[in-house]
Amino acid sequence: MSEYDPEHKSAAYHCGAAMAVHAEIQNVAMKNVNATIVQRYYSSASQMPALVLGQVSRLSAYHLEKIENDWLRKQYEDALSGVYCAIGNEIPATLTLEQQAYFALGYRQMCTKLQKDKNERIEKIKNEKAKNNVKDENV
């Protein structure tokens, strides 16, 4: 599977997916930052997610407030809720090497899903604009 799998059994996988959503929220909210969430926290999150995801979540709450588009903000909030529900009742304190690989897999697959969703939104907007231009020309 090349995109995020919400049914995946590994909590580490979903922790990686959560990291991807948090990173995308920051990217949308703040285009020019000195250091991204990924640059600052990815390495430690992939080893000790319970220690790091709380910090990253607090940052994302701030970043979510900066997203002016209510619909888009709700989409990211829903994505976070889904990922955190998939993690289960416990965020792993430390990850083995195998679990770190699942973390990376979840991160990359969620990045793919988020990019696909973004591309679909852009395409939809382009199509609507093109449709409106055709209507205007016929008036």
N, C-alpha and C. Protein backbone atom coordinates (compact mmCIF):
# COMPACT_ATOMS: atom_id res chain seq x y z
N MET A 1 0.84 -1.18 0.00
CA MET A 1 0.00 0.00 0.00
C MET A 1 0.88 1.24 0.00
N SER A 2 0.60 2.16 -0.89
CA SER A 2 1.46 3.33 -1.02
C SER A 2 0.97 4.52 -0.22
N GLU A 3 -0.24 4.46 0.32
CA GLU A 3 -0.77 5.54 1.13
C GLU A 3 -1.04 5.04 2.54
N TYR A 4 -1.29 5.97 3.40
CA TYR A 4 -1.56 5.69 4.81
C TYR A 4 -2.67 4.65 4.96
N ASP A 5 -2.44 3.69 5.83
CA ASP A 5 -3.40 2.62 6.11
C ASP A 5 -3.93 2.80 7.54
N PRO A 6 -5.15 3.32 7.71
CA PRO A 6 -5.68 3.54 9.06
C PRO A 6 -5.91 2.26 9.85
N GLU A 7 -5.87 1.11 9.17
CA GLU A 7 -6.08 -0.17 9.84
C GLU A 7 -4.77 -0.86 10.23
N HIS A 8 -3.65 -0.23 9.94
CA HIS A 8 -2.35 -0.84 10.26
C HIS A 8 -2.28 -1.14 11.75
N LYS A 9 -1.65 -2.25 12.11
CA LYS A 9 -1.62 -2.71 13.50
C LYS A 9 -0.56 -2.04 14.38
N SER A 10 0.44 -1.42 13.78
CA SER A 10 1.56 -0.87 14.54
C SER A 10 1.27 0.54 15.03
N ALA A 11 1.35 0.75 16.35
CA ALA A 11 1.20 2.09 16.91
C ALA A 11 2.33 2.99 16.42
N ALA A 12 3.52 2.42 16.24
CA ALA A 12 4.66 3.20 15.74
C ALA A 12 4.36 3.77 14.36
N TYR A 13 3.72 2.98 13.52
CA TYR A 13 3.32 3.41 12.18
C TYR A 13 2.43 4.65 12.27
N HIS A 14 1.44 4.61 13.16
CA HIS A 14 0.51 5.72 13.30
C HIS A 14 1.18 6.93 13.94
N CYS A 15 2.17 6.70 14.80
CA CYS A 15 2.94 7.81 15.36
C CYS A 15 3.67 8.55 14.24
N GLY A 16 4.23 7.81 13.30
CA GLY A 16 4.88 8.43 12.15
C GLY A 16 3.89 9.22 11.31
N ALA A 17 2.70 8.67 11.13
CA ALA A 17 1.66 9.37 10.38
C ALA A 17 1.26 10.66 11.09
N ALA A 18 1.18 10.61 12.41
CA ALA A 18 0.86 11.81 13.19
C ALA A 18 1.92 12.89 12.96
N MET A 19 3.17 12.47 12.94
CA MET A 19 4.26 13.42 12.70
C MET A 19 4.09 14.10 11.34
N ALA A 20 3.69 13.33 10.34
CA ALA A 20 3.49 13.89 9.00
C ALA A 20 2.36 14.92 8.99
N VAL A 21 1.27 14.64 9.69
CA VAL A 21 0.15 15.58 9.72
C VAL A 21 0.56 16.85 10.46
N HIS A 22 1.26 16.70 11.58
CA HIS A 22 1.73 17.88 12.31
C HIS A 22 2.65 18.73 11.43
N ALA A 23 3.52 18.08 10.67
CA ALA A 23 4.44 18.81 9.80
C ALA A 23 3.68 19.55 8.70
N GLU A 24 2.66 18.91 8.14
CA GLU A 24 1.88 19.56 7.08
C GLU A 24 1.10 20.74 7.63
N ILE A 25 0.58 20.62 8.83
CA ILE A 25 -0.13 21.74 9.46
C ILE A 25 0.81 22.93 9.59
N GLN A 26 2.03 22.68 10.07
CA GLN A 26 3.00 23.77 10.19
C GLN A 26 3.30 24.36 8.82
N ASN A 27 3.47 23.52 7.82
CA ASN A 27 3.80 23.98 6.48
C ASN A 27 2.71 24.89 5.91
N VAL A 28 1.46 24.54 6.15
CA VAL A 28 0.35 25.35 5.65
C VAL A 28 0.23 26.65 6.44
N ALA A 29 0.44 26.58 7.73
CA ALA A 29 0.25 27.75 8.59
C ALA A 29 1.41 28.75 8.49
N MET A 30 2.60 28.23 8.33
CA MET A 30 3.79 29.08 8.37
C MET A 30 4.75 28.66 7.26
N LYS A 31 4.78 29.43 6.20
CA LYS A 31 5.59 29.05 5.03
C LYS A 31 7.09 29.15 5.28
N ASN A 32 7.53 30.19 5.92
CA ASN A 32 8.96 30.43 6.09
C ASN A 32 9.35 30.34 7.56
N VAL A 33 9.83 29.19 7.95
CA VAL A 33 10.30 29.01 9.33
C VAL A 33 11.78 28.65 9.30
N ASN A 34 12.47 28.98 10.38
CA ASN A 34 13.89 28.66 10.45
C ASN A 34 14.14 27.15 10.50
N ALA A 35 13.34 26.46 11.31
CA ALA A 35 13.48 25.01 11.44
C ALA A 35 12.09 24.41 11.53
N THR A 36 11.83 23.43 10.69
CA THR A 36 10.50 22.80 10.67
C THR A 36 10.38 21.81 11.82
N ILE A 37 9.15 21.38 12.06
CA ILE A 37 8.89 20.35 13.06
C ILE A 37 9.68 19.09 12.73
N VAL A 38 9.74 18.76 11.46
CA VAL A 38 10.47 17.56 11.05
C VAL A 38 11.96 17.71 11.36
N GLN A 39 12.52 18.87 11.03
CA GLN A 39 13.94 19.09 11.30
C GLN A 39 14.26 19.04 12.80
N ARG A 40 13.36 19.55 13.60
CA ARG A 40 13.61 19.61 15.05
C ARG A 40 13.27 18.32 15.79
N TYR A 41 12.20 17.64 15.37
CA TYR A 41 11.66 16.58 16.21
C TYR A 41 11.62 15.18 15.60
N TYR A 42 11.78 15.04 14.29
CA TYR A 42 11.60 13.73 13.67
C TYR A 42 12.48 12.65 14.30
N SER A 43 13.75 12.93 14.44
CA SER A 43 14.68 11.92 14.94
C SER A 43 14.29 11.43 16.33
N SER A 44 14.02 12.36 17.22
CA SER A 44 13.65 11.95 18.58
C SER A 44 12.26 11.32 18.62
N ALA A 45 11.34 11.80 17.78
CA ALA A 45 9.99 11.21 17.73
C ALA A 45 10.04 9.78 17.24
N SER A 46 10.95 9.49 16.31
CA SER A 46 11.04 8.13 15.77
C SER A 46 11.67 7.16 16.76
N GLN A 47 12.27 7.69 17.82
CA GLN A 47 12.86 6.83 18.85
C GLN A 47 12.03 6.82 20.13
N MET A 48 11.47 7.98 20.49
CA MET A 48 10.71 8.12 21.74
C MET A 48 9.43 8.92 21.50
N PRO A 49 8.47 8.36 20.80
CA PRO A 49 7.28 9.13 20.42
C PRO A 49 6.47 9.67 21.60
N ALA A 50 6.38 8.94 22.68
CA ALA A 50 5.59 9.42 23.82
C ALA A 50 6.17 10.71 24.39
N LEU A 51 7.45 10.85 24.30
CA LEU A 51 8.13 12.04 24.82
C LEU A 51 7.94 13.24 23.91
N VAL A 52 7.82 13.02 22.62
CA VAL A 52 7.87 14.10 21.64
C VAL A 52 6.50 14.50 21.11
N LEU A 53 5.61 13.56 20.89
CA LEU A 53 4.34 13.89 20.24
C LEU A 53 3.50 14.89 21.03
N GLY A 54 3.63 14.90 22.34
CA GLY A 54 2.92 15.91 23.13
C GLY A 54 3.41 17.31 22.82
N GLN A 55 4.73 17.47 22.71
CA GLN A 55 5.30 18.77 22.37
C GLN A 55 4.86 19.21 20.97
N VAL A 56 4.93 18.29 20.04
CA VAL A 56 4.57 18.59 18.66
C VAL A 56 3.08 18.92 18.57
N SER A 57 2.28 18.24 19.34
CA SER A 57 0.85 18.50 19.36
C SER A 57 0.54 19.91 19.87
N ARG A 58 1.26 20.33 20.88
CA ARG A 58 1.07 21.70 21.39
C ARG A 58 1.42 22.73 20.32
N LEU A 59 2.49 22.49 19.60
CA LEU A 59 2.87 23.40 18.51
C LEU A 59 1.81 23.42 17.43
N SER A 60 1.26 22.26 17.12
CA SER A 60 0.24 22.18 16.07
C SER A 60 -1.03 22.93 16.45
N ALA A 61 -1.36 22.94 17.72
CA ALA A 61 -2.54 23.70 18.15
C ALA A 61 -2.36 25.18 17.80
N TYR A 62 -1.18 25.68 18.01
CA TYR A 62 -0.84 27.06 17.65
C TYR A 62 -0.90 27.24 16.13
N HIS A 63 -0.34 26.28 15.40
CA HIS A 63 -0.32 26.38 13.94
C HIS A 63 -1.73 26.28 13.35
N LEU A 64 -2.56 25.42 13.91
CA LEU A 64 -3.94 25.28 13.42
C LEU A 64 -4.69 26.61 13.52
N GLU A 65 -4.46 27.35 14.59
CA GLU A 65 -5.12 28.64 14.76
C GLU A 65 -4.76 29.61 13.64
N LYS A 66 -3.60 29.46 13.06
CA LYS A 66 -3.13 30.36 12.00
C LYS A 66 -3.72 30.03 10.63
N ILE A 67 -4.31 28.86 10.48
CA ILE A 67 -4.91 28.49 9.19
C ILE A 67 -6.27 29.19 9.09
N GLU A 68 -6.37 30.11 8.15
CA GLU A 68 -7.57 30.94 8.04
C GLU A 68 -8.75 30.21 7.41
N ASN A 69 -8.47 29.26 6.54
CA ASN A 69 -9.53 28.52 5.86
C ASN A 69 -10.13 27.51 6.85
N ASP A 70 -11.37 27.76 7.27
CA ASP A 70 -12.02 26.91 8.27
C ASP A 70 -12.15 25.46 7.79
N TRP A 71 -12.52 25.29 6.52
CA TRP A 71 -12.67 23.93 5.98
C TRP A 71 -11.36 23.18 6.03
N LEU A 72 -10.27 23.82 5.63
CA LEU A 72 -8.96 23.17 5.62
C LEU A 72 -8.49 22.86 7.04
N ARG A 73 -8.70 23.80 7.95
CA ARG A 73 -8.34 23.58 9.35
C ARG A 73 -9.08 22.35 9.90
N LYS A 74 -10.36 22.24 9.58
CA LYS A 74 -11.16 21.09 10.03
C LYS A 74 -10.64 19.79 9.43
N GLN A 75 -10.19 19.82 8.18
CA GLN A 75 -9.63 18.62 7.55
C GLN A 75 -8.40 18.13 8.31
N TYR A 76 -7.54 19.06 8.69
CA TYR A 76 -6.33 18.68 9.44
C TYR A 76 -6.67 18.21 10.86
N GLU A 77 -7.63 18.86 11.48
CA GLU A 77 -8.06 18.41 12.81
C GLU A 77 -8.62 16.99 12.74
N ASP A 78 -9.41 16.72 11.71
CA ASP A 78 -9.97 15.37 11.52
C ASP A 78 -8.87 14.35 11.25
N ALA A 79 -7.88 14.74 10.45
CA ALA A 79 -6.76 13.83 10.15
C ALA A 79 -6.00 13.49 11.44
N LEU A 80 -5.75 14.50 12.27
CA LEU A 80 -5.06 14.24 13.54
C LEU A 80 -5.89 13.33 14.44
N SER A 81 -7.18 13.60 14.51
CA SER A 81 -8.05 12.77 15.35
C SER A 81 -8.03 11.32 14.89
N GLY A 82 -8.12 11.11 13.59
CA GLY A 82 -8.09 9.76 13.06
C GLY A 82 -6.79 9.03 13.35
N VAL A 83 -5.68 9.73 13.19
CA VAL A 83 -4.37 9.11 13.44
C VAL A 83 -4.19 8.79 14.91
N TYR A 84 -4.55 9.72 15.77
CA TYR A 84 -4.37 9.47 17.20
C TYR A 84 -5.31 8.37 17.69
N CYS A 85 -6.50 8.28 17.12
CA CYS A 85 -7.38 7.16 17.48
C CYS A 85 -6.78 5.84 17.02
N ALA A 86 -6.13 5.84 15.86
CA ALA A 86 -5.51 4.62 15.35
C ALA A 86 -4.32 4.18 16.21
N ILE A 87 -3.67 5.13 16.87
CA ILE A 87 -2.54 4.77 17.75
C ILE A 87 -3.02 3.85 18.86
N GLY A 88 -4.19 4.13 19.36
CA GLY A 88 -4.73 3.31 20.45
C GLY A 88 -4.64 4.04 21.78
N ASN A 89 -4.64 3.27 22.85
CA ASN A 89 -4.68 3.86 24.19
C ASN A 89 -3.31 4.25 24.74
N GLU A 90 -2.25 3.80 24.10
CA GLU A 90 -0.90 4.09 24.60
C GLU A 90 0.04 4.48 23.48
N ILE A 91 0.71 5.60 23.67
CA ILE A 91 1.77 5.98 22.74
C ILE A 91 3.04 5.30 23.24
N PRO A 92 3.73 4.58 22.37
CA PRO A 92 4.93 3.87 22.82
C PRO A 92 5.98 4.84 23.37
N ALA A 93 6.60 4.44 24.48
CA ALA A 93 7.65 5.27 25.08
C ALA A 93 8.91 5.25 24.24
N THR A 94 9.35 4.07 23.86
CA THR A 94 10.53 3.92 23.00
C THR A 94 10.21 2.93 21.89
N LEU A 95 10.94 3.06 20.79
CA LEU A 95 10.71 2.19 19.65
C LEU A 95 11.96 1.37 19.35
N THR A 96 11.74 0.09 19.03
CA THR A 96 12.83 -0.77 18.58
C THR A 96 13.22 -0.33 17.16
N LEU A 97 14.27 -0.90 16.63
CA LEU A 97 14.67 -0.57 15.25
C LEU A 97 13.57 -0.92 14.26
N GLU A 98 12.92 -2.06 14.46
CA GLU A 98 11.83 -2.45 13.57
C GLU A 98 10.67 -1.45 13.68
N GLN A 99 10.34 -1.05 14.88
CA GLN A 99 9.26 -0.08 15.07
C GLN A 99 9.64 1.28 14.47
N GLN A 100 10.92 1.63 14.52
CA GLN A 100 11.36 2.88 13.90
C GLN A 100 11.14 2.83 12.38
N ALA A 101 11.32 1.65 11.81
CA ALA A 101 11.04 1.49 10.38
C ALA A 101 9.55 1.67 10.10
N TYR A 102 8.70 1.15 10.98
CA TYR A 102 7.25 1.36 10.83
C TYR A 102 6.89 2.83 11.00
N PHE A 103 7.56 3.51 11.92
CA PHE A 103 7.36 4.95 12.10
C PHE A 103 7.65 5.67 10.78
N ALA A 104 8.80 5.35 10.18
CA ALA A 104 9.19 5.98 8.91
C ALA A 104 8.18 5.65 7.81
N LEU A 105 7.71 4.41 7.77
CA LEU A 105 6.72 4.00 6.78
C LEU A 105 5.43 4.80 6.95
N GLY A 106 4.95 4.90 8.19
CA GLY A 106 3.73 5.68 8.45
C GLY A 106 3.89 7.13 8.08
N TYR A 107 5.06 7.69 8.39
CA TYR A 107 5.34 9.08 8.05
C TYR A 107 5.29 9.28 6.53
N ARG A 108 6.01 8.45 5.80
CA ARG A 108 6.08 8.60 4.34
C ARG A 108 4.74 8.32 3.67
N GLN A 109 4.03 7.32 4.14
CA GLN A 109 2.73 7.01 3.53
C GLN A 109 1.71 8.10 3.81
N MET A 110 1.77 8.70 5.00
CA MET A 110 0.86 9.81 5.28
C MET A 110 1.26 11.04 4.45
N CYS A 111 2.54 11.26 4.26
CA CYS A 111 2.98 12.36 3.39
C CYS A 111 2.41 12.18 1.99
N THR A 112 2.43 10.95 1.50
CA THR A 112 1.87 10.65 0.17
C THR A 112 0.38 10.95 0.14
N LYS A 113 -0.34 10.53 1.17
CA LYS A 113 -1.78 10.78 1.22
C LYS A 113 -2.08 12.27 1.28
N LEU A 114 -1.36 12.99 2.11
CA LEU A 114 -1.59 14.43 2.24
C LEU A 114 -1.31 15.15 0.93
N GLN A 115 -0.25 14.75 0.24
CA GLN A 115 0.08 15.38 -1.05
C GLN A 115 -0.99 15.06 -2.10
N LYS A 116 -1.46 13.82 -2.11
CA LYS A 116 -2.52 13.43 -3.05
C LYS A 116 -3.78 14.25 -2.77
N ASP A 117 -4.16 14.37 -1.51
CA ASP A 117 -5.34 15.17 -1.15
C ASP A 117 -5.17 16.62 -1.58
N LYS A 118 -3.98 17.18 -1.38
CA LYS A 118 -3.70 18.56 -1.77
C LYS A 118 -3.81 18.71 -3.29
N ASN A 119 -3.23 17.79 -4.03
CA ASN A 119 -3.31 17.84 -5.49
C ASN A 119 -4.74 17.75 -5.98
N GLU A 120 -5.55 16.92 -5.33
CA GLU A 120 -6.96 16.81 -5.71
C GLU A 120 -7.71 18.11 -5.44
N ARG A 121 -7.41 18.77 -4.31
CA ARG A 121 -8.05 20.06 -4.01
C ARG A 121 -7.67 21.10 -5.06
N ILE A 122 -6.40 21.14 -5.42
CA ILE A 122 -5.93 22.10 -6.42
C ILE A 122 -6.60 21.84 -7.76
N GLU A 123 -6.68 20.60 -8.16
CA GLU A 123 -7.31 20.23 -9.43
C GLU A 123 -8.79 20.63 -9.43
N LYS A 124 -9.46 20.41 -8.31
CA LYS A 124 -10.88 20.76 -8.20
C LYS A 124 -11.06 22.28 -8.35
N ILE A 125 -10.20 23.04 -7.71
CA ILE A 125 -10.27 24.50 -7.81
C ILE A 125 -10.02 24.96 -9.24
N LYS A 126 -9.02 24.37 -9.89
CA LYS A 126 -8.73 24.71 -11.29
C LYS A 126 -9.93 24.41 -12.18
N ASN A 127 -10.54 23.25 -11.98
CA ASN A 127 -11.70 22.87 -12.79
C ASN A 127 -12.87 23.81 -12.56
N GLU A 128 -13.09 24.22 -11.32
CA GLU A 128 -14.18 25.15 -11.02
C GLU A 128 -13.92 26.51 -11.65
N LYS A 129 -12.67 26.96 -11.60
CA LYS A 129 -12.33 28.25 -12.23
C LYS A 129 -12.52 28.17 -13.73
N ALA A 130 -12.08 27.07 -14.34
CA ALA A 130 -12.24 26.91 -15.79
C ALA A 130 -13.72 26.87 -16.16
N LYS A 131 -14.51 26.19 -15.35
CA LYS A 131 -15.96 26.10 -15.60
C LYS A 131 -16.60 27.48 -15.50
N ASN A 132 -16.19 28.27 -14.51
CA ASN A 132 -16.73 29.62 -14.33
C ASN A 132 -16.31 30.54 -15.47
N ASN A 133 -15.09 30.39 -15.98
CA ASN A 133 -14.64 31.21 -17.10
C ASN A 133 -15.44 30.91 -18.35
N VAL A 134 -15.77 29.66 -18.58
CA VAL A 134 -16.58 29.29 -19.73
C VAL A 134 -17.97 29.90 -19.60
N LYS A 135 -18.54 29.88 -18.43
CA LYS A 135 -19.86 30.46 -18.20
C LYS A 135 -19.82 31.97 -18.47
N ASP A 136 -18.74 32.65 -17.97
CA ASP A 136 -18.62 34.10 -18.16
C ASP A 136 -18.51 34.46 -19.64
N GLU A 137 -17.82 33.64 -20.41
CA GLU A 137 -17.64 33.90 -21.84
C GLU A 137 -18.97 33.75 -22.61
N ASN A 138 -19.84 32.91 -22.12
CA ASN A 138 -21.11 32.67 -22.79
C ASN A 138 -22.16 33.72 -22.45
N VAL A 139 -21.87 34.59 -21.50
CA VAL A 139 -22.86 35.58 -21.07
C VAL A 139 -22.88 36.75 -22.00
